[in-house]
């Protein structure tokens, strides 16, 4: 029972941190916003926590010699699944060479990483990464716009375009 409560607490922490990322994306009116980032981060924490339990239970019930359990497989499955979701947010305009929503796709992947870090009890890493990513998305987005305005490079940062 205690372990399940601890997992619920970890998922809640991951949901909150994902929500912080999502607020910035929502504020900029990007396709994957508040709830999406919350769910991705929380589900990553839940799945990795469940993977840890499965490995422990498997090793206690069945201890055949020569049969190993690879704990990285659950993390790999989460990263692959979330990357598929992120790839679905990326758009390329047929009228130009501008690719949009790459930052949103990368933020989705990072939200999963934050959930994984919380599930692995790396709380400071998850919290620190959340705030670093908010700074990167918010402040460096403006820096990118300034650089694009000074050069002739079309990075997709026009008023009618999204990143």
N, C-alpha and C. Protein backbone atom coordinates (compact mmCIF):
# COMPACT_ATOMS: atom_id res chain seq x y z
N UNK A 1 0.82 -1.20 0.00
CA UNK A 1 0.00 0.00 0.00
C UNK A 1 0.87 1.27 0.00
N UNK A 2 1.92 1.25 0.84
CA UNK A 2 2.80 2.43 0.91
C UNK A 2 3.44 2.71 -0.44
N UNK A 3 3.84 1.64 -1.13
CA UNK A 3 4.48 1.83 -2.43
C UNK A 3 3.52 2.45 -3.44
N UNK A 4 2.25 2.06 -3.40
CA UNK A 4 1.27 2.64 -4.30
C UNK A 4 1.03 4.12 -4.00
N UNK A 5 1.02 4.47 -2.73
CA UNK A 5 0.86 5.88 -2.35
C UNK A 5 2.07 6.68 -2.82
N UNK A 6 3.27 6.09 -2.67
CA UNK A 6 4.48 6.76 -3.14
C UNK A 6 4.45 6.97 -4.65
N UNK A 7 3.96 5.99 -5.39
CA UNK A 7 3.85 6.13 -6.85
C UNK A 7 2.84 7.22 -7.19
N UNK A 8 1.71 7.25 -6.50
CA UNK A 8 0.73 8.32 -6.74
C UNK A 8 1.32 9.69 -6.45
N UNK A 9 2.13 9.79 -5.41
CA UNK A 9 2.80 11.05 -5.10
C UNK A 9 3.78 11.42 -6.22
N UNK A 10 4.54 10.44 -6.70
CA UNK A 10 5.47 10.69 -7.80
C UNK A 10 4.74 11.14 -9.06
N UNK A 11 3.64 10.47 -9.38
CA UNK A 11 2.85 10.84 -10.56
C UNK A 11 2.30 12.26 -10.39
N UNK A 12 1.85 12.59 -9.19
CA UNK A 12 1.34 13.95 -8.93
C UNK A 12 2.43 14.99 -9.12
N UNK A 13 3.62 14.72 -8.60
CA UNK A 13 4.74 15.65 -8.79
C UNK A 13 5.04 15.81 -10.27
N UNK A 14 5.08 14.70 -11.00
CA UNK A 14 5.34 14.75 -12.44
C UNK A 14 4.24 15.52 -13.17
N UNK A 15 2.99 15.32 -12.77
CA UNK A 15 1.88 16.07 -13.38
C UNK A 15 2.04 17.57 -13.17
N UNK A 16 2.41 17.96 -11.96
CA UNK A 16 2.60 19.38 -11.66
C UNK A 16 3.74 19.96 -12.50
N UNK A 17 4.86 19.26 -12.55
CA UNK A 17 6.00 19.75 -13.33
C UNK A 17 5.67 19.81 -14.82
N UNK A 18 4.97 18.79 -15.33
CA UNK A 18 4.52 18.82 -16.72
C UNK A 18 3.56 19.97 -16.97
N UNK A 19 2.72 20.27 -15.98
CA UNK A 19 1.80 21.39 -16.09
C UNK A 19 2.52 22.72 -16.18
N UNK A 20 3.62 22.85 -15.45
CA UNK A 20 4.42 24.08 -15.53
C UNK A 20 4.96 24.26 -16.93
N UNK A 21 5.47 23.17 -17.52
CA UNK A 21 5.93 23.25 -18.92
C UNK A 21 4.77 23.60 -19.83
N UNK A 22 3.65 22.96 -19.61
CA UNK A 22 2.48 23.16 -20.46
C UNK A 22 1.90 24.55 -20.40
N UNK A 23 2.01 25.21 -19.25
CA UNK A 23 1.51 26.58 -19.14
C UNK A 23 2.22 27.51 -20.12
N UNK A 24 3.53 27.34 -20.22
CA UNK A 24 4.30 28.17 -21.15
C UNK A 24 3.87 27.88 -22.59
N UNK A 25 3.69 26.63 -22.93
CA UNK A 25 3.26 26.25 -24.29
C UNK A 25 1.83 26.73 -24.55
N UNK A 26 0.97 26.62 -23.55
CA UNK A 26 -0.42 27.07 -23.68
C UNK A 26 -0.47 28.58 -23.88
N UNK A 27 0.33 29.29 -23.10
CA UNK A 27 0.37 30.75 -23.19
C UNK A 27 0.79 31.19 -24.59
N UNK A 28 1.68 30.43 -25.23
CA UNK A 28 2.11 30.75 -26.58
C UNK A 28 1.20 30.13 -27.64
N UNK A 29 0.11 29.52 -27.21
CA UNK A 29 -0.89 28.90 -28.08
C UNK A 29 -0.29 27.85 -29.01
N UNK A 30 0.49 26.94 -28.44
CA UNK A 30 1.09 25.84 -29.19
C UNK A 30 0.17 24.62 -29.13
N UNK A 31 0.35 23.68 -30.04
CA UNK A 31 -0.59 22.55 -30.12
C UNK A 31 -0.59 21.62 -28.91
N UNK A 32 0.51 21.46 -28.23
CA UNK A 32 0.56 20.60 -27.04
C UNK A 32 0.76 21.51 -25.84
N UNK A 33 -0.31 21.76 -25.11
CA UNK A 33 -0.26 22.74 -24.04
C UNK A 33 -0.30 22.14 -22.65
N UNK A 34 -1.06 22.77 -21.80
CA UNK A 34 -1.11 22.48 -20.37
C UNK A 34 -1.43 21.01 -20.08
N UNK A 35 -2.60 20.56 -20.48
CA UNK A 35 -3.02 19.19 -20.16
C UNK A 35 -2.16 18.14 -20.84
N UNK A 36 -1.78 18.38 -22.08
CA UNK A 36 -0.97 17.40 -22.81
C UNK A 36 0.35 17.16 -22.11
N UNK A 37 1.06 18.22 -21.74
CA UNK A 37 2.34 18.06 -21.06
C UNK A 37 2.17 17.44 -19.68
N UNK A 38 1.08 17.77 -18.99
CA UNK A 38 0.81 17.14 -17.70
C UNK A 38 0.64 15.63 -17.86
N UNK A 39 -0.18 15.25 -18.82
CA UNK A 39 -0.47 13.83 -19.02
C UNK A 39 0.78 13.07 -19.45
N UNK A 40 1.57 13.65 -20.32
CA UNK A 40 2.78 12.97 -20.78
C UNK A 40 3.75 12.77 -19.62
N UNK A 41 3.98 13.80 -18.85
CA UNK A 41 4.90 13.70 -17.72
C UNK A 41 4.39 12.73 -16.66
N UNK A 42 3.11 12.82 -16.34
CA UNK A 42 2.53 11.91 -15.36
C UNK A 42 2.51 10.47 -15.82
N UNK A 43 2.18 10.25 -17.08
CA UNK A 43 2.15 8.87 -17.59
C UNK A 43 3.55 8.27 -17.65
N UNK A 44 4.54 9.09 -17.97
CA UNK A 44 5.92 8.59 -17.97
C UNK A 44 6.32 8.15 -16.57
N UNK A 45 5.97 8.94 -15.56
CA UNK A 45 6.29 8.58 -14.18
C UNK A 45 5.57 7.29 -13.78
N UNK A 46 4.30 7.17 -14.15
CA UNK A 46 3.53 5.99 -13.80
C UNK A 46 4.10 4.74 -14.48
N UNK A 47 4.37 4.82 -15.77
CA UNK A 47 4.85 3.65 -16.51
C UNK A 47 6.21 3.19 -16.03
N UNK A 48 7.11 4.12 -15.76
CA UNK A 48 8.43 3.72 -15.27
C UNK A 48 8.33 3.14 -13.87
N UNK A 49 7.47 3.70 -13.03
CA UNK A 49 7.26 3.14 -11.68
C UNK A 49 6.68 1.73 -11.76
N UNK A 50 5.72 1.53 -12.64
CA UNK A 50 5.16 0.20 -12.82
C UNK A 50 6.20 -0.77 -13.36
N UNK A 51 7.04 -0.29 -14.26
CA UNK A 51 8.12 -1.13 -14.79
C UNK A 51 9.06 -1.58 -13.69
N UNK A 52 9.35 -0.68 -12.76
CA UNK A 52 10.22 -1.02 -11.62
C UNK A 52 9.56 -2.11 -10.77
N UNK A 53 8.26 -2.00 -10.55
CA UNK A 53 7.53 -3.00 -9.76
C UNK A 53 7.50 -4.34 -10.48
N UNK A 54 7.27 -4.32 -11.77
CA UNK A 54 7.25 -5.56 -12.55
C UNK A 54 8.58 -6.28 -12.44
N UNK A 55 9.67 -5.54 -12.53
CA UNK A 55 11.00 -6.15 -12.44
C UNK A 55 11.21 -6.76 -11.06
N UNK A 56 10.83 -6.05 -10.02
CA UNK A 56 10.98 -6.58 -8.65
C UNK A 56 10.14 -7.83 -8.47
N UNK A 57 8.87 -7.79 -8.88
CA UNK A 57 7.98 -8.94 -8.75
C UNK A 57 8.49 -10.12 -9.57
N UNK A 58 8.95 -9.87 -10.77
CA UNK A 58 9.45 -10.93 -11.64
C UNK A 58 10.65 -11.61 -10.99
N UNK A 59 11.55 -10.83 -10.45
CA UNK A 59 12.74 -11.40 -9.83
C UNK A 59 12.41 -12.18 -8.56
N UNK A 60 11.35 -11.80 -7.84
CA UNK A 60 10.96 -12.52 -6.63
C UNK A 60 10.21 -13.81 -6.95
N UNK A 61 9.39 -13.80 -7.98
CA UNK A 61 8.58 -14.97 -8.31
C UNK A 61 9.34 -16.00 -9.12
N UNK A 62 10.05 -15.53 -10.10
CA UNK A 62 10.74 -16.42 -11.02
C UNK A 62 12.21 -16.04 -11.00
N UNK A 63 13.03 -16.95 -10.54
CA UNK A 63 14.45 -16.65 -10.48
C UNK A 63 15.24 -17.68 -11.29
N UNK A 64 14.91 -17.80 -12.57
CA UNK A 64 15.68 -18.75 -13.38
C UNK A 64 17.08 -18.21 -13.64
N UNK A 65 18.03 -19.12 -13.59
CA UNK A 65 19.40 -18.71 -13.85
C UNK A 65 19.57 -18.40 -15.33
N UNK A 66 20.32 -17.38 -15.60
CA UNK A 66 20.59 -17.02 -16.98
C UNK A 66 19.54 -16.14 -17.63
N UNK A 67 18.43 -15.89 -16.93
CA UNK A 67 17.39 -15.04 -17.48
C UNK A 67 17.46 -13.68 -16.79
N UNK A 68 17.83 -12.67 -17.55
CA UNK A 68 17.98 -11.34 -16.97
C UNK A 68 16.81 -10.45 -17.33
N UNK A 69 16.61 -9.45 -16.51
CA UNK A 69 15.57 -8.47 -16.75
C UNK A 69 16.25 -7.14 -16.99
N UNK A 70 15.89 -6.48 -18.07
CA UNK A 70 16.52 -5.22 -18.44
C UNK A 70 15.59 -4.07 -18.07
N UNK A 71 15.91 -3.33 -17.01
CA UNK A 71 15.01 -2.25 -16.57
C UNK A 71 14.93 -1.08 -17.53
N UNK A 72 15.90 -0.94 -18.40
CA UNK A 72 15.90 0.19 -19.32
C UNK A 72 14.81 0.05 -20.39
N UNK A 73 14.27 -1.14 -20.55
CA UNK A 73 13.24 -1.35 -21.59
C UNK A 73 11.99 -0.52 -21.35
N UNK A 74 11.59 -0.35 -20.11
CA UNK A 74 10.41 0.45 -19.83
C UNK A 74 10.68 1.92 -20.16
N UNK A 75 11.85 2.40 -19.79
CA UNK A 75 12.21 3.78 -20.13
C UNK A 75 12.25 3.94 -21.64
N UNK A 76 12.82 2.97 -22.32
CA UNK A 76 12.89 3.00 -23.79
C UNK A 76 11.49 3.04 -24.40
N UNK A 77 10.59 2.23 -23.87
CA UNK A 77 9.22 2.20 -24.40
C UNK A 77 8.52 3.55 -24.22
N UNK A 78 8.74 4.18 -23.08
CA UNK A 78 8.14 5.50 -22.83
C UNK A 78 8.70 6.52 -23.81
N UNK A 79 10.01 6.53 -23.99
CA UNK A 79 10.65 7.49 -24.89
C UNK A 79 10.17 7.29 -26.33
N UNK A 80 10.08 6.05 -26.77
CA UNK A 80 9.62 5.78 -28.14
C UNK A 80 8.17 6.22 -28.32
N UNK A 81 7.31 5.88 -27.37
CA UNK A 81 5.91 6.27 -27.47
C UNK A 81 5.70 7.77 -27.46
N UNK A 82 6.41 8.45 -26.59
CA UNK A 82 6.28 9.90 -26.51
C UNK A 82 6.88 10.56 -27.74
N UNK A 83 7.96 10.02 -28.25
CA UNK A 83 8.55 10.57 -29.48
C UNK A 83 7.58 10.47 -30.65
N UNK A 84 6.81 9.41 -30.68
CA UNK A 84 5.78 9.26 -31.71
C UNK A 84 4.73 10.36 -31.59
N UNK A 85 4.33 10.66 -30.36
CA UNK A 85 3.37 11.75 -30.13
C UNK A 85 3.99 13.08 -30.57
N UNK A 86 5.24 13.31 -30.18
CA UNK A 86 5.94 14.54 -30.56
C UNK A 86 6.05 14.69 -32.06
N UNK A 87 6.35 13.60 -32.74
CA UNK A 87 6.47 13.65 -34.20
C UNK A 87 5.14 14.04 -34.84
N UNK A 88 4.05 13.67 -34.21
CA UNK A 88 2.74 14.03 -34.74
C UNK A 88 2.43 15.51 -34.66
N UNK A 89 3.18 16.25 -33.84
CA UNK A 89 2.93 17.69 -33.73
C UNK A 89 3.72 18.50 -34.75
N UNK A 90 4.71 17.89 -35.38
CA UNK A 90 5.57 18.62 -36.32
C UNK A 90 4.86 18.76 -37.67
N UNK A 91 4.86 19.98 -38.20
CA UNK A 91 4.24 20.26 -39.49
C UNK A 91 5.24 20.93 -40.42
N UNK A 92 5.19 20.58 -41.69
CA UNK A 92 5.98 21.27 -42.70
C UNK A 92 5.02 21.85 -43.71
N UNK A 93 5.15 23.13 -43.94
CA UNK A 93 4.28 23.81 -44.88
C UNK A 93 4.65 23.41 -46.30
N UNK A 94 3.65 23.13 -47.11
CA UNK A 94 3.93 22.78 -48.51
C UNK A 94 4.31 24.00 -49.33
N UNK A 95 3.94 25.19 -48.87
CA UNK A 95 4.24 26.40 -49.63
C UNK A 95 5.63 26.95 -49.33
N UNK A 96 6.26 26.50 -48.26
CA UNK A 96 7.60 26.97 -47.93
C UNK A 96 8.39 25.84 -47.30
N UNK A 97 9.63 26.13 -46.99
CA UNK A 97 10.49 25.12 -46.37
C UNK A 97 10.47 25.22 -44.84
N UNK A 98 9.53 25.97 -44.30
CA UNK A 98 9.47 26.17 -42.86
C UNK A 98 8.85 24.95 -42.18
N UNK A 99 9.55 24.44 -41.18
CA UNK A 99 9.04 23.35 -40.36
C UNK A 99 8.61 23.95 -39.04
N UNK A 100 7.40 23.62 -38.61
CA UNK A 100 6.84 24.24 -37.41
C UNK A 100 6.66 23.22 -36.28
N UNK A 101 6.61 23.73 -35.08
CA UNK A 101 6.32 23.00 -33.85
C UNK A 101 7.44 22.06 -33.40
N UNK A 102 8.65 22.27 -33.86
CA UNK A 102 9.77 21.44 -33.39
C UNK A 102 10.01 21.66 -31.89
N UNK A 103 9.89 22.90 -31.45
CA UNK A 103 10.08 23.18 -30.02
C UNK A 103 9.02 22.48 -29.19
N UNK A 104 7.81 22.44 -29.68
CA UNK A 104 6.74 21.74 -28.97
C UNK A 104 7.03 20.25 -28.89
N UNK A 105 7.49 19.67 -29.99
CA UNK A 105 7.83 18.24 -30.00
C UNK A 105 8.97 17.95 -29.02
N UNK A 106 9.96 18.82 -28.99
CA UNK A 106 11.08 18.64 -28.06
C UNK A 106 10.62 18.81 -26.61
N UNK A 107 9.69 19.72 -26.38
CA UNK A 107 9.15 19.92 -25.03
C UNK A 107 8.37 18.69 -24.58
N UNK A 108 7.65 18.07 -25.49
CA UNK A 108 6.93 16.84 -25.17
C UNK A 108 7.91 15.75 -24.73
N UNK A 109 9.00 15.61 -25.46
CA UNK A 109 10.01 14.61 -25.10
C UNK A 109 10.62 14.93 -23.73
N UNK A 110 10.89 16.20 -23.48
CA UNK A 110 11.46 16.60 -22.20
C UNK A 110 10.46 16.37 -21.06
N UNK A 111 9.17 16.57 -21.32
CA UNK A 111 8.15 16.29 -20.29
C UNK A 111 8.20 14.82 -19.89
N UNK A 112 8.40 13.95 -20.85
CA UNK A 112 8.54 12.52 -20.54
C UNK A 112 9.79 12.28 -19.71
N UNK A 113 10.88 12.94 -20.07
CA UNK A 113 12.12 12.81 -19.30
C UNK A 113 11.95 13.26 -17.87
N UNK A 114 11.19 14.32 -17.68
CA UNK A 114 10.93 14.81 -16.32
C UNK A 114 10.11 13.78 -15.54
N UNK A 115 9.10 13.21 -16.18
CA UNK A 115 8.32 12.16 -15.52
C UNK A 115 9.17 10.95 -15.17
N UNK A 116 10.07 10.57 -16.07
CA UNK A 116 10.97 9.45 -15.81
C UNK A 116 11.88 9.77 -14.63
N UNK A 117 12.41 10.98 -14.59
CA UNK A 117 13.30 11.34 -13.49
C UNK A 117 12.57 11.30 -12.14
N UNK A 118 11.33 11.73 -12.11
CA UNK A 118 10.55 11.67 -10.87
C UNK A 118 10.30 10.21 -10.47
N UNK A 119 9.96 9.36 -11.43
CA UNK A 119 9.73 7.95 -11.14
C UNK A 119 10.98 7.27 -10.60
N UNK A 120 12.14 7.73 -11.02
CA UNK A 120 13.40 7.16 -10.55
C UNK A 120 13.92 7.88 -9.31
N UNK A 121 13.06 8.67 -8.68
CA UNK A 121 13.35 9.37 -7.42
C UNK A 121 14.42 10.44 -7.56
N UNK A 122 14.56 10.99 -8.74
CA UNK A 122 15.51 12.07 -8.98
C UNK A 122 14.74 13.39 -8.99
N UNK A 123 14.22 13.76 -7.81
CA UNK A 123 13.31 14.89 -7.69
C UNK A 123 13.96 16.22 -8.08
N UNK A 124 15.15 16.49 -7.57
CA UNK A 124 15.81 17.77 -7.88
C UNK A 124 16.11 17.87 -9.37
N UNK A 125 16.48 16.76 -9.97
CA UNK A 125 16.74 16.74 -11.41
C UNK A 125 15.46 17.09 -12.18
N UNK A 126 14.34 16.52 -11.78
CA UNK A 126 13.07 16.80 -12.45
C UNK A 126 12.63 18.24 -12.28
N UNK A 127 12.73 18.76 -11.05
CA UNK A 127 12.32 20.14 -10.79
C UNK A 127 13.25 21.11 -11.51
N UNK A 128 14.56 20.88 -11.40
CA UNK A 128 15.53 21.76 -12.06
C UNK A 128 15.36 21.78 -13.56
N UNK A 129 15.16 20.60 -14.15
CA UNK A 129 14.97 20.51 -15.59
C UNK A 129 13.71 21.25 -16.03
N UNK A 130 12.66 21.15 -15.24
CA UNK A 130 11.42 21.86 -15.56
C UNK A 130 11.66 23.36 -15.68
N UNK A 131 12.30 23.92 -14.69
CA UNK A 131 12.50 25.37 -14.70
C UNK A 131 13.52 25.81 -15.74
N UNK A 132 14.53 24.99 -15.99
CA UNK A 132 15.48 25.31 -17.06
C UNK A 132 14.77 25.31 -18.41
N UNK A 133 13.90 24.33 -18.64
CA UNK A 133 13.20 24.25 -19.92
C UNK A 133 12.21 25.41 -20.10
N UNK A 134 11.56 25.83 -19.03
CA UNK A 134 10.67 26.99 -19.13
C UNK A 134 11.48 28.22 -19.53
N UNK A 135 12.65 28.39 -18.93
CA UNK A 135 13.52 29.52 -19.29
C UNK A 135 13.95 29.42 -20.75
N UNK A 136 14.35 28.22 -21.17
CA UNK A 136 14.77 28.03 -22.57
C UNK A 136 13.63 28.35 -23.52
N UNK A 137 12.45 27.81 -23.26
CA UNK A 137 11.32 28.03 -24.17
C UNK A 137 10.87 29.49 -24.18
N UNK A 138 10.86 30.11 -23.03
CA UNK A 138 10.33 31.47 -22.92
C UNK A 138 11.35 32.52 -23.38
N UNK A 139 12.50 32.55 -22.72
CA UNK A 139 13.48 33.61 -23.00
C UNK A 139 14.19 33.42 -24.34
N UNK A 140 14.62 32.20 -24.61
CA UNK A 140 15.35 31.98 -25.84
C UNK A 140 14.46 32.02 -27.07
N UNK A 141 13.16 31.86 -26.88
CA UNK A 141 12.22 32.05 -27.99
C UNK A 141 12.25 33.48 -28.48
N UNK A 142 12.30 34.42 -27.54
CA UNK A 142 12.40 35.84 -27.91
C UNK A 142 13.75 36.15 -28.55
N UNK A 143 14.82 35.56 -28.04
CA UNK A 143 16.14 35.75 -28.64
C UNK A 143 16.16 35.24 -30.07
N UNK A 144 15.54 34.09 -30.30
CA UNK A 144 15.47 33.52 -31.64
C UNK A 144 14.71 34.45 -32.59
N UNK A 145 13.63 35.05 -32.10
CA UNK A 145 12.86 35.99 -32.93
C UNK A 145 13.70 37.21 -33.29
N UNK A 146 14.46 37.73 -32.33
CA UNK A 146 15.32 38.89 -32.59
C UNK A 146 16.38 38.57 -33.64
N UNK A 147 16.99 37.41 -33.52
CA UNK A 147 18.01 37.00 -34.49
C UNK A 147 17.39 36.85 -35.87
N UNK A 148 16.21 36.26 -35.94
CA UNK A 148 15.54 36.08 -37.23
C UNK A 148 15.18 37.40 -37.88
N UNK A 149 14.79 38.39 -37.07
CA UNK A 149 14.45 39.71 -37.62
C UNK A 149 15.68 40.41 -38.18
N UNK A 150 16.84 40.22 -37.55
CA UNK A 150 18.07 40.89 -37.97
C UNK A 150 18.65 40.26 -39.24
N UNK A 151 18.34 39.00 -39.47
CA UNK A 151 18.87 38.33 -40.65
C UNK A 151 17.75 38.10 -41.66
N UNK A 152 18.11 37.62 -42.81
CA UNK A 152 17.11 37.32 -43.84
C UNK A 152 16.60 35.89 -43.72
N UNK A 153 17.08 35.17 -42.74
CA UNK A 153 16.71 33.77 -42.57
C UNK A 153 15.27 33.66 -42.09
N UNK A 154 14.48 32.85 -42.78
CA UNK A 154 13.09 32.62 -42.40
C UNK A 154 13.04 31.39 -41.50
N UNK A 155 13.02 31.63 -40.20
CA UNK A 155 12.98 30.52 -39.25
C UNK A 155 11.55 30.14 -38.90
N UNK A 156 10.58 30.78 -39.51
CA UNK A 156 9.19 30.50 -39.18
C UNK A 156 8.65 31.39 -38.09
N UNK A 157 9.47 32.33 -37.61
CA UNK A 157 9.05 33.22 -36.53
C UNK A 157 8.46 34.50 -37.06
N UNK A 158 7.47 34.39 -37.88
CA UNK A 158 6.70 35.55 -38.30
C UNK A 158 5.43 35.57 -37.46
N UNK A 159 4.79 36.68 -37.46
CA UNK A 159 3.60 36.81 -36.63
C UNK A 159 2.54 35.76 -36.99
N UNK A 160 2.44 35.44 -38.27
CA UNK A 160 1.42 34.47 -38.67
C UNK A 160 1.91 33.03 -38.55
N UNK A 161 3.21 32.83 -38.31
CA UNK A 161 3.77 31.49 -38.20
C UNK A 161 4.00 31.12 -36.74
N UNK A 162 4.06 29.85 -36.49
CA UNK A 162 4.33 29.34 -35.14
C UNK A 162 5.60 28.53 -35.18
N UNK A 163 6.26 28.36 -34.01
CA UNK A 163 7.48 27.54 -33.98
C UNK A 163 7.17 26.11 -33.71
